[in-house]
Amino acid sequence: MKNMDFRSLMVGFLGCICIFLIMGQNRGNMGDIVVNSITVKDNGNGGFIKTYNTKDALTTYLGTGENEGGFIQTQNQYGVQTSYLGTAVGDGGFISTQNKDGMQTSYMGTGSENFGFLEISNVYGNRTVYLGANKSNDGMVVLSDRYGDVQWYENTSKD
């Protein structure tokens, strides 16, 4: 009788193990996940969240950049970057947009000397408008032609 109980126990135990192994083989879509918060930590390869479209092309990246600052990057359906919001090299923030060909069309952010500015570029990526501060921290406006050559500028400096 004691042998029979041991065998039944072993069969039951092994049966449960088999069920857990079979259930764990589901590697498909887990459906919707609802949570109150998510914490993503850098494991040495970066901490990030990615999204993909139905063509399996990357459309959004939220994570840590090379300079240890955070950023969000979006891409169009062809994998071309269309916007970027993040931390610049000097640890200031910036937002940039690109056209469908990946050429930068706008940039708003903090410069390397900690002042803010806005740049607008044409379809070829040539800067046509600059609005911001100069190195003396005075206001400055610059208008350029289609090639990016300065045609007019004004600043508030009295020097």
C-alpha atoms as a PDB file:
ATOM      1  CA  MET A   1       0.000   0.000   0.000  1.00  0.00           C
ATOM      2  CA  LYS A   2       2.852   2.355   0.744  1.00  0.00           C
ATOM      3  CA  ASN A   3       4.373   1.653  -2.709  1.00  0.00           C
ATOM      4  CA  MET A   4       1.059   2.425  -4.368  1.00  0.00           C
ATOM      5  CA  ASP A   5       0.824   5.808  -2.620  1.00  0.00           C
ATOM      6  CA  PHE A   6       4.377   6.689  -3.677  1.00  0.00           C
ATOM      7  CA  ARG A   7       3.665   5.727  -7.300  1.00  0.00           C
ATOM      8  CA  SER A   8       0.452   7.748  -7.356  1.00  0.00           C
ATOM      9  CA  LEU A   9       2.280  10.708  -5.892  1.00  0.00           C
ATOM     10  CA  MET A  10       5.049  10.446  -8.549  1.00  0.00           C
ATOM     11  CA  VAL A  11       2.548  10.098 -11.424  1.00  0.00           C
ATOM     12  CA  GLY A  12       0.633  13.123 -10.149  1.00  0.00           C
ATOM     13  CA  PHE A  13       3.835  15.149  -9.718  1.00  0.00           C
ATOM     14  CA  LEU A  14       5.185  14.260 -13.176  1.00  0.00           C
ATOM     15  CA  GLY A  15       1.760  14.968 -14.719  1.00  0.00           C
ATOM     16  CA  CYS A  16       1.769  18.455 -13.190  1.00  0.00           C
ATOM     17  CA  ILE A  17       5.309  19.086 -14.468  1.00  0.00           C
ATOM     18  CA  CYS A  18       4.216  18.078 -18.000  1.00  0.00           C
ATOM     19  CA  ILE A  19       1.218  20.423 -17.870  1.00  0.00           C
ATOM     20  CA  PHE A  20       3.400  23.353 -16.735  1.00  0.00           C
ATOM     21  CA  LEU A  21       5.933  22.636 -19.496  1.00  0.00           C
ATOM     22  CA  ILE A  22       3.231  22.516 -22.163  1.00  0.00           C
ATOM     23  CA  MET A  23       1.620  25.727 -20.900  1.00  0.00           C
ATOM     24  CA  GLY A  24       4.998  27.494 -20.900  1.00  0.00           C
ATOM     25  CA  GLN A  25       5.534  26.766 -24.613  1.00  0.00           C
ATOM     26  CA  ASN A  26       3.117  29.529 -25.694  1.00  0.00           C
ATOM     27  CA  ARG A  27       5.453  32.158 -27.183  1.00  0.00           C
ATOM     28  CA  GLY A  28       2.820  33.926 -29.276  1.00  0.00           C
ATOM     29  CA  ASN A  29       0.980  37.151 -28.582  1.00  0.00           C
ATOM     30  CA  MET A  30       0.007  37.443 -24.925  1.00  0.00           C
ATOM     31  CA  GLY A  31      -2.805  39.919 -25.684  1.00  0.00           C
ATOM     32  CA  ASP A  32      -3.306  43.143 -23.747  1.00  0.00           C
ATOM     33  CA  ILE A  33      -1.357  43.887 -20.589  1.00  0.00           C
ATOM     34  CA  VAL A  34      -2.863  46.285 -18.065  1.00  0.00           C
ATOM     35  CA  VAL A  35      -0.607  47.673 -15.340  1.00  0.00           C
ATOM     36  CA  ASN A  36      -0.274  50.736 -13.119  1.00  0.00           C
ATOM     37  CA  SER A  37       3.402  51.290 -13.870  1.00  0.00           C
ATOM     38  CA  ILE A  38       6.367  49.821 -15.703  1.00  0.00           C
ATOM     39  CA  THR A  39       9.989  50.249 -14.693  1.00  0.00           C
ATOM     40  CA  VAL A  40      12.642  49.573 -17.321  1.00  0.00           C
ATOM     41  CA  LYS A  41      16.246  49.392 -16.116  1.00  0.00           C
ATOM     42  CA  ASP A  42      19.427  49.420 -18.171  1.00  0.00           C
ATOM     43  CA  ASN A  43      21.070  46.001 -18.142  1.00  0.00           C
ATOM     44  CA  GLY A  44      24.218  47.217 -19.904  1.00  0.00           C
ATOM     45  CA  ASN A  45      22.546  47.122 -23.326  1.00  0.00           C
ATOM     46  CA  GLY A  46      20.161  49.974 -22.555  1.00  0.00           C
ATOM     47  CA  GLY A  47      16.706  50.093 -21.083  1.00  0.00           C
ATOM     48  CA  PHE A  48      14.041  50.608 -23.750  1.00  0.00           C
ATOM     49  CA  ILE A  49      10.586  49.944 -25.143  1.00  0.00           C
ATOM     50  CA  LYS A  50      10.024  49.420 -28.887  1.00  0.00           C
ATOM     51  CA  THR A  51       6.868  49.262 -30.988  1.00  0.00           C
ATOM     52  CA  TYR A  52       6.466  47.769 -34.469  1.00  0.00           C
ATOM     53  CA  ASN A  53       3.824  48.072 -37.190  1.00  0.00           C
ATOM     54  CA  THR A  54       2.117  45.171 -38.984  1.00  0.00           C
ATOM     55  CA  LYS A  55       5.018  45.054 -41.488  1.00  0.00           C
ATOM     56  CA  ASP A  56       7.388  44.422 -38.555  1.00  0.00           C
ATOM     57  CA  ALA A  57       9.063  47.812 -39.078  1.00  0.00           C
ATOM     58  CA  LEU A  58      10.193  49.708 -35.962  1.00  0.00           C
ATOM     59  CA  THR A  59       7.879  52.711 -35.411  1.00  0.00           C
ATOM     60  CA  THR A  60       8.720  53.948 -31.902  1.00  0.00           C
ATOM     61  CA  TYR A  61      11.710  53.700 -29.586  1.00  0.00           C
ATOM     62  CA  LEU A  62      11.624  54.970 -25.998  1.00  0.00           C
ATOM     63  CA  GLY A  63      14.786  54.491 -24.042  1.00  0.00           C
ATOM     64  CA  THR A  64      18.269  55.492 -23.043  1.00  0.00           C
ATOM     65  CA  GLY A  65      20.625  57.026 -25.605  1.00  0.00           C
ATOM     66  CA  GLU A  66      24.376  56.747 -26.074  1.00  0.00           C
ATOM     67  CA  ASN A  67      24.995  59.796 -23.862  1.00  0.00           C
ATOM     68  CA  GLU A  68      22.968  58.213 -20.995  1.00  0.00           C
ATOM     69  CA  GLY A  69      20.063  60.615 -21.556  1.00  0.00           C
ATOM     70  CA  GLY A  70      16.538  59.573 -22.407  1.00  0.00           C
ATOM     71  CA  PHE A  71      14.819  59.923 -25.775  1.00  0.00           C
ATOM     72  CA  ILE A  72      11.770  59.064 -27.828  1.00  0.00           C
ATOM     73  CA  GLN A  73      12.158  58.433 -31.542  1.00  0.00           C
ATOM     74  CA  THR A  74       9.413  57.787 -34.088  1.00  0.00           C
ATOM     75  CA  GLN A  75       9.760  56.384 -37.572  1.00  0.00           C
ATOM     76  CA  ASN A  76       7.395  56.237 -40.534  1.00  0.00           C
ATOM     77  CA  GLN A  77       6.144  53.009 -42.072  1.00  0.00           C
ATOM     78  CA  TYR A  78       9.376  52.677 -44.087  1.00  0.00           C
ATOM     79  CA  GLY A  79      11.687  52.920 -41.078  1.00  0.00           C
ATOM     80  CA  VAL A  80      12.739  56.554 -41.713  1.00  0.00           C
ATOM     81  CA  GLN A  81      13.076  58.656 -38.560  1.00  0.00           C
ATOM     82  CA  THR A  82      10.370  61.363 -38.446  1.00  0.00           C
ATOM     83  CA  SER A  83      10.758  62.853 -34.962  1.00  0.00           C
ATOM     84  CA  TYR A  84      13.120  62.802 -32.027  1.00  0.00           C
ATOM     85  CA  LEU A  85      12.625  64.184 -28.527  1.00  0.00           C
ATOM     86  CA  GLY A  86      15.472  63.770 -26.127  1.00  0.00           C
ATOM     87  CA  THR A  87      18.569  64.878 -24.329  1.00  0.00           C
ATOM     88  CA  ALA A  88      21.201  66.700 -26.389  1.00  0.00           C
ATOM     89  CA  VAL A  89      24.969  66.305 -26.057  1.00  0.00           C
ATOM     90  CA  GLY A  90      25.218  69.228 -23.572  1.00  0.00           C
ATOM     91  CA  ASP A  91      22.479  67.650 -21.384  1.00  0.00           C
ATOM     92  CA  GLY A  92      19.822  70.102 -22.586  1.00  0.00           C
ATOM     93  CA  GLY A  93      16.585  69.000 -24.190  1.00  0.00           C
ATOM     94  CA  PHE A  94      15.524  69.183 -27.828  1.00  0.00           C
ATOM     95  CA  ILE A  95      12.854  68.215 -30.328  1.00  0.00           C
ATOM     96  CA  SER A  96      13.538  67.648 -34.014  1.00  0.00           C
ATOM     97  CA  THR A  97      11.336  66.630 -36.920  1.00  0.00           C
ATOM     98  CA  GLN A  98      12.295  65.108 -40.236  1.00  0.00           C
ATOM     99  CA  ASN A  99      10.443  64.815 -43.527  1.00  0.00           C
ATOM    100  CA  LYS A 100       9.541  61.512 -45.174  1.00  0.00           C
ATOM    101  CA  ASP A 101      13.054  61.311 -46.652  1.00  0.00           C
ATOM    102  CA  GLY A 102      14.713  61.718 -43.251  1.00  0.00           C
ATOM    103  CA  MET A 103      15.885  65.324 -43.817  1.00  0.00           C
ATOM    104  CA  GLN A 104      15.646  67.500 -40.695  1.00  0.00           C
ATOM    105  CA  THR A 105      12.949  70.172 -41.118  1.00  0.00           C
ATOM    106  CA  SER A 106      12.835  71.666 -37.624  1.00  0.00           C
ATOM    107  CA  TYR A 107      14.905  71.718 -34.451  1.00  0.00           C
ATOM    108  CA  MET A 108      13.985  73.367 -31.175  1.00  0.00           C
ATOM    109  CA  GLY A 109      16.191  72.966 -28.187  1.00  0.00           C
ATOM    110  CA  THR A 110      19.016  74.022 -25.969  1.00  0.00           C
ATOM    111  CA  GLY A 111      22.360  74.846 -27.540  1.00  0.00           C
ATOM    112  CA  SER A 112      25.774  73.770 -26.304  1.00  0.00           C
ATOM    113  CA  GLU A 113      26.068  77.099 -24.441  1.00  0.00           C
ATOM    114  CA  ASN A 114      22.707  76.570 -22.672  1.00  0.00           C
ATOM    115  CA  PHE A 115      20.573  79.031 -24.636  1.00  0.00           C
ATOM    116  CA  GLY A 116      17.405  78.126 -26.494  1.00  0.00           C
ATOM    117  CA  PHE A 117      16.828  78.341 -30.239  1.00  0.00           C
ATOM    118  CA  LEU A 118      14.576  77.272 -33.088  1.00  0.00           C
ATOM    119  CA  GLU A 119      15.747  76.306 -36.578  1.00  0.00           C
ATOM    120  CA  ILE A 120      13.543  75.680 -39.599  1.00  0.00           C
ATOM    121  CA  SER A 121      14.986  73.911 -42.643  1.00  0.00           C
ATOM    122  CA  ASN A 122      13.756  73.343 -46.175  1.00  0.00           C
ATOM    123  CA  VAL A 123      13.069  70.023 -47.912  1.00  0.00           C
ATOM    124  CA  TYR A 124      16.814  69.567 -48.532  1.00  0.00           C
ATOM    125  CA  GLY A 125      17.743  70.031 -44.866  1.00  0.00           C
ATOM    126  CA  ASN A 126      19.247  73.519 -45.412  1.00  0.00           C
ATOM    127  CA  ARG A 127      18.543  75.938 -42.546  1.00  0.00           C
ATOM    128  CA  THR A 128      16.323  78.806 -43.705  1.00  0.00           C
ATOM    129  CA  VAL A 129      15.318  80.360 -40.349  1.00  0.00           C
ATOM    130  CA  TYR A 130      17.117  80.717 -37.009  1.00  0.00           C
ATOM    131  CA  LEU A 131      15.354  82.290 -34.046  1.00  0.00           C
ATOM    132  CA  GLY A 132      17.047  82.328 -30.678  1.00  0.00           C
ATOM    133  CA  ALA A 133      19.854  83.754 -28.637  1.00  0.00           C
ATOM    134  CA  ASN A 134      23.382  84.570 -29.724  1.00  0.00           C
ATOM    135  CA  LYS A 135      26.562  83.952 -27.704  1.00  0.00           C
ATOM    136  CA  SER A 136      26.010  87.275 -25.876  1.00  0.00           C
ATOM    137  CA  ASN A 137      22.545  86.032 -24.828  1.00  0.00           C
ATOM    138  CA  ASP A 138      20.814  88.669 -26.968  1.00  0.00           C
ATOM    139  CA  GLY A 139      17.901  87.828 -29.247  1.00  0.00           C
ATOM    140  CA  MET A 140      18.752  86.971 -32.842  1.00  0.00           C
ATOM    141  CA  VAL A 141      16.884  86.257 -36.084  1.00  0.00           C
ATOM    142  CA  VAL A 142      18.603  84.886 -39.212  1.00  0.00           C
ATOM    143  CA  LEU A 143      16.994  84.267 -42.613  1.00  0.00           C
ATOM    144  CA  SER A 144      18.816  82.202 -45.217  1.00  0.00           C
ATOM    145  CA  ASP A 145      18.159  81.281 -48.836  1.00  0.00           C
ATOM    146  CA  ARG A 146      17.324  77.795 -50.121  1.00  0.00           C
ATOM    147  CA  TYR A 147      21.010  76.865 -50.037  1.00  0.00           C
ATOM    148  CA  GLY A 148      21.423  77.838 -46.386  1.00  0.00           C
ATOM    149  CA  ASP A 149      23.391  81.028 -47.157  1.00  0.00           C
ATOM    150  CA  VAL A 150      22.577  83.898 -44.774  1.00  0.00           C
ATOM    151  CA  GLN A 151      20.621  86.670 -46.533  1.00  0.00           C
ATOM    152  CA  TRP A 152      19.475  88.760 -43.560  1.00  0.00           C
ATOM    153  CA  TYR A 153      20.018  88.826 -39.826  1.00  0.00           C
ATOM    154  CA  GLU A 154      19.228  91.041 -36.875  1.00  0.00           C
ATOM    155  CA  ASN A 155      20.111  90.878 -33.213  1.00  0.00           C
ATOM    156  CA  THR A 156      19.286  92.997 -30.197  1.00  0.00           C
ATOM    157  CA  SER A 157      22.910  93.469 -29.173  1.00  0.00           C
ATOM    158  CA  LYS A 158      23.901  97.087 -28.635  1.00  0.00           C
ATOM    159  CA  ASP A 159      27.612  96.170 -28.936  1.00  0.00           C
END
